[in-house]
Every structure is written in structure tokens, then in C-alpha cells.
């Protein structure tokens, strides 16, 4: 399964261990889309254990490469107290702004309020 196909499917419906291993491998190799999907898995506990620190790590890796959704979800993590991740309004706004610059609709709405 390609990361592109993973992006097109309903998140984690029918994803096998082989698919998860594929995403992990590509995330480690620096693929921003794979990093984002790996973060989602750690953030939601779907396919992998729920580990907010790992979700933050992978969202940030993808966000630093300009992945709009990763920027948005990283901002959300900073905007609220999450298991072991302290709230940081300045970091949250930084990533909301970056997501908005990249065309993320919800981020644009968030910073306009």
C-alpha cells in the first residue's frame, strides 16, 4: 500500500500491520505524508497505542516540511493540555498561522476569530 493510497482511504479502515509497517518505514525515511499518518495513529490510538508525545513528534516532523494538516493538529495539541504536553499558546498560534498559510481552512477560521 502506498502512503498516497492510505491518504485516500477512510482513516485506518482495514489497514493491516503490513500497512502500518510501511507507514512507519516511510515516516522514518522523512516522508511528510507518512509522518502525518503515523502521528494520527499515535494521536487517536487507532492502529498503534495512544501516545501523545509520539503524535507530537511526528506531527512536528511533518509540519516542519510544510504539511498543512500536521501543522493544524500540532497547533491543536499545543492549544490544550494533552497527556504530558503542556499548553503553549505561542506555539499553537505559530502552527495555526503556518497551517493557514498552507491553505488549511480550519486554521484560517481559527486565527480569524
PDB file of N, CA and C in Angstrom:
ATOM      1  N   UNK A   1       0.850  -1.178   0.000  1.00  0.00           N
ATOM      2  CA  UNK A   1       0.000   0.000   0.000  1.00  0.00           C
ATOM      3  C   UNK A   1       0.890   1.233   0.000  1.00  0.00           C
ATOM      4  N   UNK A   2       0.572   2.185  -0.825  1.00  0.00           N
ATOM      5  CA  UNK A   2       1.349   3.420  -0.839  1.00  0.00           C
ATOM      6  C   UNK A   2       0.775   4.393   0.170  1.00  0.00           C
ATOM      7  N   UNK A   3       1.605   5.346   0.594  1.00  0.00           N
ATOM      8  CA  UNK A   3       1.137   6.378   1.507  1.00  0.00           C
ATOM      9  C   UNK A   3       0.023   7.167   0.839  1.00  0.00           C
ATOM     10  N   UNK A   4       0.107   7.366  -0.477  1.00  0.00           N
ATOM     11  CA  UNK A   4      -0.944   8.079  -1.203  1.00  0.00           C
ATOM     12  C   UNK A   4      -2.274   7.343  -1.057  1.00  0.00           C
ATOM     13  N   UNK A   5      -2.261   6.040  -1.206  1.00  0.00           N
ATOM     14  CA  UNK A   5      -3.494   5.266  -1.057  1.00  0.00           C
ATOM     15  C   UNK A   5      -4.017   5.340   0.365  1.00  0.00           C
ATOM     16  N   UNK A   6      -3.108   5.325   1.341  1.00  0.00           N
ATOM     17  CA  UNK A   6      -3.528   5.452   2.731  1.00  0.00           C
ATOM     18  C   UNK A   6      -4.224   6.788   2.929  1.00  0.00           C
ATOM     19  N   UNK A   7      -3.719   7.826   2.288  1.00  0.00           N
ATOM     20  CA  UNK A   7      -4.314   9.154   2.393  1.00  0.00           C
ATOM     21  C   UNK A   7      -5.711   9.182   1.793  1.00  0.00           C
ATOM     22  N   UNK A   8      -5.941   8.402   0.743  1.00  0.00           N
ATOM     23  CA  UNK A   8      -7.221   8.414   0.039  1.00  0.00           C
ATOM     24  C   UNK A   8      -8.299   7.598   0.743  1.00  0.00           C
ATOM     25  N   UNK A   9      -7.904   6.655   1.595  1.00  0.00           N
ATOM     26  CA  UNK A   9      -8.891   5.779   2.200  1.00  0.00           C
ATOM     27  C   UNK A   9      -9.427   6.368   3.500  1.00  0.00           C
ATOM     28  N   UNK A  10     -10.546   5.869   3.924  1.00  0.00           N
ATOM     29  CA  UNK A  10     -11.082   6.264   5.220  1.00  0.00           C
ATOM     30  C   UNK A  10     -10.054   5.868   6.263  1.00  0.00           C
ATOM     31  N   UNK A  11      -9.684   6.775   7.118  1.00  0.00           N
ATOM     32  CA  UNK A  11      -8.540   6.601   8.006  1.00  0.00           C
ATOM     33  C   UNK A  11      -8.558   5.269   8.747  1.00  0.00           C
ATOM     34  N   UNK A  12      -7.628   4.436   8.391  1.00  0.00           N
ATOM     35  CA  UNK A  12      -7.332   3.155   9.026  1.00  0.00           C
ATOM     36  C   UNK A  12      -8.401   2.081   8.882  1.00  0.00           C
ATOM     37  N   UNK A  13      -9.381   2.263   8.004  1.00  0.00           N
ATOM     38  CA  UNK A  13     -10.339   1.191   7.758  1.00  0.00           C
ATOM     39  C   UNK A  13      -9.619   0.055   7.041  1.00  0.00           C
ATOM     40  N   UNK A  14      -9.516  -1.078   7.688  1.00  0.00           N
ATOM     41  CA  UNK A  14      -8.911  -2.240   7.069  1.00  0.00           C
ATOM     42  C   UNK A  14      -7.410  -2.166   6.881  1.00  0.00           C
ATOM     43  N   UNK A  15      -6.734  -1.298   7.590  1.00  0.00           N
ATOM     44  CA  UNK A  15      -5.284  -1.188   7.464  1.00  0.00           C
ATOM     45  C   UNK A  15      -4.647  -2.351   8.215  1.00  0.00           C
ATOM     46  N   UNK A  16      -3.743  -3.027   7.549  1.00  0.00           N
ATOM     47  CA  UNK A  16      -3.080  -4.195   8.124  1.00  0.00           C
ATOM     48  C   UNK A  16      -1.786  -3.791   8.827  1.00  0.00           C
ATOM     49  N   UNK A  17      -1.209  -4.726   9.556  1.00  0.00           N
ATOM     50  CA  UNK A  17       0.088  -4.484  10.191  1.00  0.00           C
ATOM     51  C   UNK A  17       1.135  -4.175   9.130  1.00  0.00           C
ATOM     52  N   UNK A  18       1.030  -4.820   7.994  1.00  0.00           N
ATOM     53  CA  UNK A  18       1.957  -4.545   6.891  1.00  0.00           C
ATOM     54  C   UNK A  18       1.848  -3.079   6.455  1.00  0.00           C
ATOM     55  N   UNK A  19       0.629  -2.567   6.392  1.00  0.00           N
ATOM     56  CA  UNK A  19       0.421  -1.167   6.020  1.00  0.00           C
ATOM     57  C   UNK A  19       1.024  -0.230   7.059  1.00  0.00           C
ATOM     58  N   UNK A  20       0.811  -0.555   8.336  1.00  0.00           N
ATOM     59  CA  UNK A  20       1.362   0.268   9.414  1.00  0.00           C
ATOM     60  C   UNK A  20       2.880   0.258   9.354  1.00  0.00           C
ATOM     61  N   UNK A  21       3.471  -0.903   9.122  1.00  0.00           N
ATOM     62  CA  UNK A  21       4.928  -1.001   8.992  1.00  0.00           C
ATOM     63  C   UNK A  21       5.432  -0.158   7.830  1.00  0.00           C
ATOM     64  N   UNK A  22       4.687  -0.162   6.730  1.00  0.00           N
ATOM     65  CA  UNK A  22       5.038   0.640   5.552  1.00  0.00           C
ATOM     66  C   UNK A  22       5.047   2.125   5.911  1.00  0.00           C
ATOM     67  N   UNK A  23       4.008   2.567   6.613  1.00  0.00           N
ATOM     68  CA  UNK A  23       3.921   3.978   7.004  1.00  0.00           C
ATOM     69  C   UNK A  23       5.072   4.333   7.939  1.00  0.00           C
ATOM     70  N   UNK A  24       5.352   3.480   8.919  1.00  0.00           N
ATOM     71  CA  UNK A  24       6.463   3.737   9.847  1.00  0.00           C
ATOM     72  C   UNK A  24       7.782   3.877   9.091  1.00  0.00           C
ATOM     73  N   UNK A  25       8.030   2.951   8.182  1.00  0.00           N
ATOM     74  CA  UNK A  25       9.279   2.967   7.412  1.00  0.00           C
ATOM     75  C   UNK A  25       9.424   4.272   6.636  1.00  0.00           C
ATOM     76  N   UNK A  26       8.358   4.683   5.973  1.00  0.00           N
ATOM     77  CA  UNK A  26       8.422   5.905   5.172  1.00  0.00           C
ATOM     78  C   UNK A  26       8.473   7.160   6.043  1.00  0.00           C
ATOM     79  N   UNK A  27       7.844   7.109   7.208  1.00  0.00           N
ATOM     80  CA  UNK A  27       7.933   8.236   8.142  1.00  0.00           C
ATOM     81  C   UNK A  27       9.371   8.414   8.605  1.00  0.00           C
ATOM     82  N   UNK A  28      10.005   7.317   8.958  1.00  0.00           N
ATOM     83  CA  UNK A  28      11.403   7.363   9.392  1.00  0.00           C
ATOM     84  C   UNK A  28      12.295   7.875   8.268  1.00  0.00           C
ATOM     85  N   UNK A  29      11.954   7.536   7.028  1.00  0.00           N
ATOM     86  CA  UNK A  29      12.725   7.999   5.866  1.00  0.00           C
ATOM     87  C   UNK A  29      12.453   9.457   5.511  1.00  0.00           C
ATOM     88  N   UNK A  30      11.507  10.112   6.222  1.00  0.00           N
ATOM     89  CA  UNK A  30      11.285  11.536   6.020  1.00  0.00           C
ATOM     90  C   UNK A  30      10.099  11.916   5.166  1.00  0.00           C
ATOM     91  N   UNK A  31       9.242  10.967   4.816  1.00  0.00           N
ATOM     92  CA  UNK A  31       8.056  11.275   4.015  1.00  0.00           C
ATOM     93  C   UNK A  31       7.031  11.995   4.900  1.00  0.00           C
ATOM     94  N   UNK A  32       6.725  13.256   4.575  1.00  0.00           N
ATOM     95  CA  UNK A  32       5.838  14.078   5.405  1.00  0.00           C
ATOM     96  C   UNK A  32       4.438  13.487   5.524  1.00  0.00           C
ATOM     97  N   UNK A  33       3.918  12.941   4.445  1.00  0.00           N
ATOM     98  CA  UNK A  33       2.580  12.358   4.498  1.00  0.00           C
ATOM     99  C   UNK A  33       2.559  11.127   5.407  1.00  0.00           C
ATOM    100  N   UNK A  34       3.587  10.320   5.338  1.00  0.00           N
ATOM    101  CA  UNK A  34       3.684   9.155   6.223  1.00  0.00           C
ATOM    102  C   UNK A  34       3.848   9.606   7.673  1.00  0.00           C
ATOM    103  N   UNK A  35       4.642  10.654   7.899  1.00  0.00           N
ATOM    104  CA  UNK A  35       4.817  11.174   9.256  1.00  0.00           C
ATOM    105  C   UNK A  35       3.484  11.646   9.830  1.00  0.00           C
ATOM    106  N   UNK A  36       2.705  12.333   9.001  1.00  0.00           N
ATOM    107  CA  UNK A  36       1.385  12.808   9.428  1.00  0.00           C
ATOM    108  C   UNK A  36       0.479  11.629   9.798  1.00  0.00           C
ATOM    109  N   UNK A  37       0.447  10.604   8.960  1.00  0.00           N
ATOM    110  CA  UNK A  37      -0.409   9.449   9.243  1.00  0.00           C
ATOM    111  C   UNK A  37       0.068   8.674  10.470  1.00  0.00           C
ATOM    112  N   UNK A  38       1.366   8.586  10.658  1.00  0.00           N
ATOM    113  CA  UNK A  38       1.888   7.933  11.853  1.00  0.00           C
ATOM    114  C   UNK A  38       1.479   8.731  13.096  1.00  0.00           C
ATOM    115  N   UNK A  39       1.559  10.049  13.008  1.00  0.00           N
ATOM    116  CA  UNK A  39       1.122  10.903  14.115  1.00  0.00           C
ATOM    117  C   UNK A  39      -0.354  10.681  14.425  1.00  0.00           C
ATOM    118  N   UNK A  40      -1.180  10.607  13.383  1.00  0.00           N
ATOM    119  CA  UNK A  40      -2.613  10.360  13.594  1.00  0.00           C
ATOM    120  C   UNK A  40      -2.847   9.049  14.330  1.00  0.00           C
ATOM    121  N   UNK A  41      -2.084   8.033  13.975  1.00  0.00           N
ATOM    122  CA  UNK A  41      -2.238   6.742  14.637  1.00  0.00           C
ATOM    123  C   UNK A  41      -1.918   6.857  16.125  1.00  0.00           C
ATOM    124  N   UNK A  42      -0.805   7.527  16.449  1.00  0.00           N
ATOM    125  CA  UNK A  42      -0.441   7.706  17.858  1.00  0.00           C
ATOM    126  C   UNK A  42      -1.413   8.652  18.571  1.00  0.00           C
ATOM    127  N   UNK A  43      -1.969   9.607  17.847  1.00  0.00           N
ATOM    128  CA  UNK A  43      -2.876  10.599  18.427  1.00  0.00           C
ATOM    129  C   UNK A  43      -4.254  10.013  18.725  1.00  0.00           C
ATOM    130  N   UNK A  44      -4.688   9.083  17.904  1.00  0.00           N
ATOM    131  CA  UNK A  44      -6.028   8.512  18.061  1.00  0.00           C
ATOM    132  C   UNK A  44      -6.027   7.130  18.708  1.00  0.00           C
ATOM    133  N   UNK A  45      -4.870   6.482  18.732  1.00  0.00           N
ATOM    134  CA  UNK A  45      -4.809   5.119  19.246  1.00  0.00           C
ATOM    135  C   UNK A  45      -5.377   4.102  18.282  1.00  0.00           C
ATOM    136  N   UNK A  46      -5.509   4.491  17.023  1.00  0.00           N
ATOM    137  CA  UNK A  46      -6.038   3.574  16.001  1.00  0.00           C
ATOM    138  C   UNK A  46      -4.865   2.992  15.216  1.00  0.00           C
ATOM    139  N   UNK A  47      -4.648   1.709  15.397  1.00  0.00           N
ATOM    140  CA  UNK A  47      -3.559   1.029  14.709  1.00  0.00           C
ATOM    141  C   UNK A  47      -2.294   0.962  15.536  1.00  0.00           C
ATOM    142  N   UNK A  48      -2.114   1.904  16.439  1.00  0.00           N
ATOM    143  CA  UNK A  48      -0.955   1.955  17.334  1.00  0.00           C
ATOM    144  C   UNK A  48      -1.443   2.420  18.706  1.00  0.00           C
ATOM    145  N   UNK A  49      -0.629   2.213  19.743  1.00  0.00           N
ATOM    146  CA  UNK A  49      -1.039   2.699  21.064  1.00  0.00           C
ATOM    147  C   UNK A  49      -1.198   4.227  21.074  1.00  0.00           C
ATOM    148  N   UNK A  50      -2.070   4.712  21.914  1.00  0.00           N
ATOM    149  CA  UNK A  50      -2.279   6.143  22.095  1.00  0.00           C
ATOM    150  C   UNK A  50      -1.089   6.704  22.879  1.00  0.00           C
ATOM    151  N   UNK A  51      -0.216   7.454  22.177  1.00  0.00           N
ATOM    152  CA  UNK A  51       0.975   8.027  22.808  1.00  0.00           C
ATOM    153  C   UNK A  51       1.109   9.474  22.326  1.00  0.00           C
ATOM    154  N   UNK A  52       0.559  10.437  23.087  1.00  0.00           N
ATOM    155  CA  UNK A  52       0.574  11.831  22.643  1.00  0.00           C
ATOM    156  C   UNK A  52       1.961  12.388  22.318  1.00  0.00           C
ATOM    157  N   UNK A  53       2.975  12.039  23.100  1.00  0.00           N
ATOM    158  CA  UNK A  53       4.332  12.551  22.823  1.00  0.00           C
ATOM    159  C   UNK A  53       4.826  12.088  21.453  1.00  0.00           C
ATOM    160  N   UNK A  54       4.525  10.847  21.088  1.00  0.00           N
ATOM    161  CA  UNK A  54       4.909  10.351  19.760  1.00  0.00           C
ATOM    162  C   UNK A  54       4.094  11.040  18.672  1.00  0.00           C
ATOM    163  N   UNK A  55       2.818  11.271  18.946  1.00  0.00           N
ATOM    164  CA  UNK A  55       1.987  12.001  17.983  1.00  0.00           C
ATOM    165  C   UNK A  55       2.580  13.381  17.742  1.00  0.00           C
ATOM    166  N   UNK A  56       2.930  14.072  18.823  1.00  0.00           N
ATOM    167  CA  UNK A  56       3.523  15.406  18.700  1.00  0.00           C
ATOM    168  C   UNK A  56       4.817  15.356  17.884  1.00  0.00           C
ATOM    169  N   UNK A  57       5.648  14.389  18.181  1.00  0.00           N
ATOM    170  CA  UNK A  57       6.932  14.240  17.472  1.00  0.00           C
ATOM    171  C   UNK A  57       6.713  14.116  15.965  1.00  0.00           C
ATOM    172  N   UNK A  58       5.781  13.267  15.558  1.00  0.00           N
ATOM    173  CA  UNK A  58       5.570  13.017  14.132  1.00  0.00           C
ATOM    174  C   UNK A  58       4.781  14.134  13.460  1.00  0.00           C
ATOM    175  N   UNK A  59       3.828  14.755  14.185  1.00  0.00           N
ATOM    176  CA  UNK A  59       3.159  15.936  13.617  1.00  0.00           C
ATOM    177  C   UNK A  59       4.196  17.023  13.342  1.00  0.00           C
ATOM    178  N   UNK A  60       5.095  17.229  14.305  1.00  0.00           N
ATOM    179  CA  UNK A  60       6.103  18.286  14.144  1.00  0.00           C
ATOM    180  C   UNK A  60       7.027  17.983  12.973  1.00  0.00           C
ATOM    181  N   UNK A  61       7.440  16.743  12.819  1.00  0.00           N
ATOM    182  CA  UNK A  61       8.311  16.371  11.696  1.00  0.00           C
ATOM    183  C   UNK A  61       7.630  16.680  10.367  1.00  0.00           C
ATOM    184  N   UNK A  62       6.360  16.339  10.252  1.00  0.00           N
ATOM    185  CA  UNK A  62       5.621  16.609   9.014  1.00  0.00           C
ATOM    186  C   UNK A  62       5.347  18.100   8.855  1.00  0.00           C
ATOM    187  N   UNK A  63       5.001  18.771   9.955  1.00  0.00           N
ATOM    188  CA  UNK A  63       4.710  20.209   9.910  1.00  0.00           C
ATOM    189  C   UNK A  63       5.929  20.998   9.452  1.00  0.00           C
ATOM    190  N   UNK A  64       7.093  20.609   9.918  1.00  0.00           N
ATOM    191  CA  UNK A  64       8.324  21.308   9.529  1.00  0.00           C
ATOM    192  C   UNK A  64       8.620  21.167   8.040  1.00  0.00           C
ATOM    193  N   UNK A  65       7.989  20.190   7.403  1.00  0.00           N
ATOM    194  CA  UNK A  65       8.132  20.018   5.956  1.00  0.00           C
ATOM    195  C   UNK A  65       6.981  20.668   5.189  1.00  0.00           C
ATOM    196  N   UNK A  66       6.094  21.367   5.910  1.00  0.00           N
ATOM    197  CA  UNK A  66       5.018  22.078   5.244  1.00  0.00           C
ATOM    198  C   UNK A  66       3.749  21.280   5.025  1.00  0.00           C
ATOM    199  N   UNK A  67       3.490  20.288   5.840  1.00  0.00           N
ATOM    200  CA  UNK A  67       2.256  19.502   5.743  1.00  0.00           C
ATOM    201  C   UNK A  67       1.168  20.255   6.505  1.00  0.00           C
ATOM    202  N   UNK A  68       0.182  20.789   5.794  1.00  0.00           N
ATOM    203  CA  UNK A  68      -0.836  21.662   6.393  1.00  0.00           C
ATOM    204  C   UNK A  68      -1.617  20.985   7.512  1.00  0.00           C
ATOM    205  N   UNK A  69      -2.082  19.769   7.292  1.00  0.00           N
ATOM    206  CA  UNK A  69      -2.846  19.073   8.335  1.00  0.00           C
ATOM    207  C   UNK A  69      -1.992  18.821   9.571  1.00  0.00           C
ATOM    208  N   UNK A  70      -0.734  18.478   9.370  1.00  0.00           N
ATOM    209  CA  UNK A  70       0.157  18.257  10.508  1.00  0.00           C
ATOM    210  C   UNK A  70       0.338  19.549  11.296  1.00  0.00           C
ATOM    211  N   UNK A  71       0.477  20.673  10.600  1.00  0.00           N
ATOM    212  CA  UNK A  71       0.590  21.970  11.282  1.00  0.00           C
ATOM    213  C   UNK A  71      -0.640  22.216  12.141  1.00  0.00           C
ATOM    214  N   UNK A  72      -1.802  21.958  11.578  1.00  0.00           N
ATOM    215  CA  UNK A  72      -3.059  22.197  12.292  1.00  0.00           C
ATOM    216  C   UNK A  72      -3.169  21.314  13.538  1.00  0.00           C
ATOM    217  N   UNK A  73      -2.920  20.028  13.387  1.00  0.00           N
ATOM    218  CA  UNK A  73      -3.070  19.131  14.528  1.00  0.00           C
ATOM    219  C   UNK A  73      -1.982  19.343  15.574  1.00  0.00           C
ATOM    220  N   UNK A  74      -0.802  19.754  15.156  1.00  0.00           N
ATOM    221  CA  UNK A  74       0.241  20.115  16.114  1.00  0.00           C
ATOM    222  C   UNK A  74      -0.207  21.341  16.907  1.00  0.00           C
ATOM    223  N   UNK A  75      -0.772  22.326  16.220  1.00  0.00           N
ATOM    224  CA  UNK A  75      -1.298  23.516  16.897  1.00  0.00           C
ATOM    225  C   UNK A  75      -2.369  23.133  17.912  1.00  0.00           C
ATOM    226  N   UNK A  76      -3.259  22.226  17.528  1.00  0.00           N
ATOM    227  CA  UNK A  76      -4.309  21.773  18.458  1.00  0.00           C
ATOM    228  C   UNK A  76      -3.708  21.142  19.704  1.00  0.00           C
ATOM    229  N   UNK A  77      -2.640  20.371  19.522  1.00  0.00           N
ATOM    230  CA  UNK A  77      -2.006  19.752  20.691  1.00  0.00           C
ATOM    231  C   UNK A  77      -1.452  20.819  21.626  1.00  0.00           C
ATOM    232  N   UNK A  78      -0.838  21.859  21.051  1.00  0.00           N
ATOM    233  CA  UNK A  78      -0.283  22.931  21.874  1.00  0.00           C
ATOM    234  C   UNK A  78      -1.372  23.809  22.486  1.00  0.00           C
ATOM    235  N   UNK A  79      -2.553  23.839  21.892  1.00  0.00           N
ATOM    236  CA  UNK A  79      -3.601  24.741  22.374  1.00  0.00           C
ATOM    237  C   UNK A  79      -4.373  24.183  23.569  1.00  0.00           C
ATOM    238  N   UNK A  80      -4.121  22.932  23.908  1.00  0.00           N
ATOM    239  CA  UNK A  80      -4.795  22.343  25.071  1.00  0.00           C
ATOM    240  C   UNK A  80      -3.816  21.466  25.831  1.00  0.00           C
ATOM    241  N   UNK A  81      -4.053  21.308  27.086  1.00  0.00           N
ATOM    242  CA  UNK A  81      -3.226  20.420  27.908  1.00  0.00           C
ATOM    243  C   UNK A  81      -3.501  18.992  27.459  1.00  0.00           C
ATOM    244  N   UNK A  82      -2.493  18.339  26.912  1.00  0.00           N
ATOM    245  CA  UNK A  82      -2.630  16.967  26.441  1.00  0.00           C
ATOM    246  C   UNK A  82      -1.655  16.111  27.225  1.00  0.00           C
ATOM    247  N   UNK A  83      -2.022  14.917  27.531  1.00  0.00           N
ATOM    248  CA  UNK A  83      -1.212  13.982  28.315  1.00  0.00           C
ATOM    249  C   UNK A  83       0.283  14.224  28.176  1.00  0.00           C
ATOM    250  N   UNK A  84       0.841  14.951  29.114  1.00  0.00           N
ATOM    251  CA  UNK A  84       2.279  15.170  29.135  1.00  0.00           C
ATOM    252  C   UNK A  84       2.770  16.275  28.224  1.00  0.00           C
ATOM    253  N   UNK A  85       1.882  16.917  27.494  1.00  0.00           N
ATOM    254  CA  UNK A  85       2.282  18.002  26.597  1.00  0.00           C
ATOM    255  C   UNK A  85       1.661  19.286  27.143  1.00  0.00           C
ATOM    256  N   UNK A  86       2.496  20.172  27.698  1.00  0.00           N
ATOM    257  CA  UNK A  86       1.940  21.385  28.291  1.00  0.00           C
ATOM    258  C   UNK A  86       1.336  22.321  27.246  1.00  0.00           C
ATOM    259  N   UNK A  87       0.316  23.040  27.671  1.00  0.00           N
ATOM    260  CA  UNK A  87      -0.316  24.036  26.807  1.00  0.00           C
ATOM    261  C   UNK A  87       0.699  25.138  26.513  1.00  0.00           C
ATOM    262  N   UNK A  88       0.736  25.569  25.247  1.00  0.00           N
ATOM    263  CA  UNK A  88       1.662  26.626  24.843  1.00  0.00           C
ATOM    264  C   UNK A  88       0.973  27.447  23.757  1.00  0.00           C
ATOM    265  N   UNK A  89       0.343  28.543  24.170  1.00  0.00           N
ATOM    266  CA  UNK A  89      -0.440  29.353  23.239  1.00  0.00           C
ATOM    267  C   UNK A  89       0.400  29.946  22.111  1.00  0.00           C
ATOM    268  N   UNK A  90       1.638  30.337  22.407  1.00  0.00           N
ATOM    269  CA  UNK A  90       2.502  30.916  21.369  1.00  0.00           C
ATOM    270  C   UNK A  90       2.821  29.879  20.291  1.00  0.00           C
ATOM    271  N   UNK A  91       3.158  28.668  20.702  1.00  0.00           N
ATOM    272  CA  UNK A  91       3.438  27.597  19.730  1.00  0.00           C
ATOM    273  C   UNK A  91       2.180  27.229  18.962  1.00  0.00           C
ATOM    274  N   UNK A  92       1.059  27.196  19.655  1.00  0.00           N
ATOM    275  CA  UNK A  92      -0.205  26.877  18.989  1.00  0.00           C
ATOM    276  C   UNK A  92      -0.483  27.891  17.887  1.00  0.00           C
ATOM    277  N   UNK A  93      -0.364  29.176  18.194  1.00  0.00           N
ATOM    278  CA  UNK A  93      -0.650  30.206  17.196  1.00  0.00           C
ATOM    279  C   UNK A  93       0.348  30.147  16.042  1.00  0.00           C
ATOM    280  N   UNK A  94       1.605  29.877  16.349  1.00  0.00           N
ATOM    281  CA  UNK A  94       2.628  29.743  15.300  1.00  0.00           C
ATOM    282  C   UNK A  94       2.218  28.678  14.291  1.00  0.00           C
ATOM    283  N   UNK A  95       1.769  27.522  14.768  1.00  0.00           N
ATOM    284  CA  UNK A  95       1.419  26.424  13.873  1.00  0.00           C
ATOM    285  C   UNK A  95       0.059  26.612  13.219  1.00  0.00           C
ATOM    286  N   UNK A  96      -0.887  27.280  13.916  1.00  0.00           N
ATOM    287  CA  UNK A  96      -2.158  27.624  13.260  1.00  0.00           C
ATOM    288  C   UNK A  96      -1.890  28.568  12.090  1.00  0.00           C
ATOM    289  N   UNK A  97      -1.024  29.555  12.308  1.00  0.00           N
ATOM    290  CA  UNK A  97      -0.702  30.507  11.235  1.00  0.00           C
ATOM    291  C   UNK A  97      -0.034  29.797  10.067  1.00  0.00           C
ATOM    292  N   UNK A  98       0.880  28.894  10.363  1.00  0.00           N
ATOM    293  CA  UNK A  98       1.565  28.155   9.290  1.00  0.00           C
ATOM    294  C   UNK A  98       0.566  27.299   8.511  1.00  0.00           C
ATOM    295  N   UNK A  99      -0.329  26.634   9.216  1.00  0.00           N
ATOM    296  CA  UNK A  99      -1.353  25.824   8.545  1.00  0.00           C
ATOM    297  C   UNK A  99      -2.234  26.701   7.668  1.00  0.00           C
ATOM    298  N   UNK A 100      -2.604  27.868   8.175  1.00  0.00           N
ATOM    299  CA  UNK A 100      -3.427  28.799   7.393  1.00  0.00           C
ATOM    300  C   UNK A 100      -2.691  29.260   6.141  1.00  0.00           C
ATOM    301  N   UNK A 101      -1.403  29.560   6.279  1.00  0.00           N
ATOM    302  CA  UNK A 101      -0.584  29.953   5.120  1.00  0.00           C
ATOM    303  C   UNK A 101      -0.567  28.857   4.063  1.00  0.00           C
ATOM    304  N   UNK A 102      -0.645  27.627   4.520  1.00  0.00           N
ATOM    305  CA  UNK A 102      -0.623  26.471   3.617  1.00  0.00           C
ATOM    306  C   UNK A 102      -2.015  26.130   3.090  1.00  0.00           C
ATOM    307  N   UNK A 103      -3.005  26.956   3.453  1.00  0.00           N
ATOM    308  CA  UNK A 103      -4.343  26.785   2.910  1.00  0.00           C
ATOM    309  C   UNK A 103      -5.311  25.970   3.743  1.00  0.00           C
ATOM    310  N   UNK A 104      -4.964  25.681   4.986  1.00  0.00           N
ATOM    311  CA  UNK A 104      -5.844  24.877   5.836  1.00  0.00           C
ATOM    312  C   UNK A 104      -7.037  25.722   6.279  1.00  0.00           C
ATOM    313  N   UNK A 105      -8.224  25.314   5.858  1.00  0.00           N
ATOM    314  CA  UNK A 105      -9.455  26.082   6.105  1.00  0.00           C
ATOM    315  C   UNK A 105      -9.735  26.283   7.592  1.00  0.00           C
ATOM    316  N   UNK A 106      -9.678  25.223   8.383  1.00  0.00           N
ATOM    317  CA  UNK A 106      -9.994  25.332   9.809  1.00  0.00           C
ATOM    318  C   UNK A 106      -8.984  26.222  10.523  1.00  0.00           C
ATOM    319  N   UNK A 107      -7.725  26.171  10.095  1.00  0.00           N
ATOM    320  CA  UNK A 107      -6.707  27.031  10.706  1.00  0.00           C
ATOM    321  C   UNK A 107      -6.996  28.493  10.382  1.00  0.00           C
ATOM    322  N   UNK A 108      -7.398  28.766   9.142  1.00  0.00           N
ATOM    323  CA  UNK A 108      -7.754  30.145   8.779  1.00  0.00           C
ATOM    324  C   UNK A 108      -8.902  30.643   9.645  1.00  0.00           C
ATOM    325  N   UNK A 109      -9.893  29.799   9.849  1.00  0.00           N
ATOM    326  CA  UNK A 109     -11.027  30.174  10.700  1.00  0.00           C
ATOM    327  C   UNK A 109     -10.570  30.406  12.139  1.00  0.00           C
ATOM    328  N   UNK A 110      -9.671  29.568  12.612  1.00  0.00           N
ATOM    329  CA  UNK A 110      -9.184  29.667  13.996  1.00  0.00           C
ATOM    330  C   UNK A 110      -8.456  30.988  14.230  1.00  0.00           C
ATOM    331  N   UNK A 111      -7.587  31.383  13.316  1.00  0.00           N
ATOM    332  CA  UNK A 111      -6.820  32.610  13.543  1.00  0.00           C
ATOM    333  C   UNK A 111      -7.627  33.867  13.241  1.00  0.00           C
ATOM    334  N   UNK A 112      -8.734  33.725  12.533  1.00  0.00           N
ATOM    335  CA  UNK A 112      -9.555  34.899  12.242  1.00  0.00           C
ATOM    336  C   UNK A 112     -10.504  35.220  13.394  1.00  0.00           C
ATOM    337  N   UNK A 113     -10.647  34.298  14.342  1.00  0.00           N
ATOM    338  CA  UNK A 113     -11.555  34.521  15.490  1.00  0.00           C
ATOM    339  C   UNK A 113     -10.884  35.275  16.596  1.00  0.00           C
TER     340      UNK A 113
END
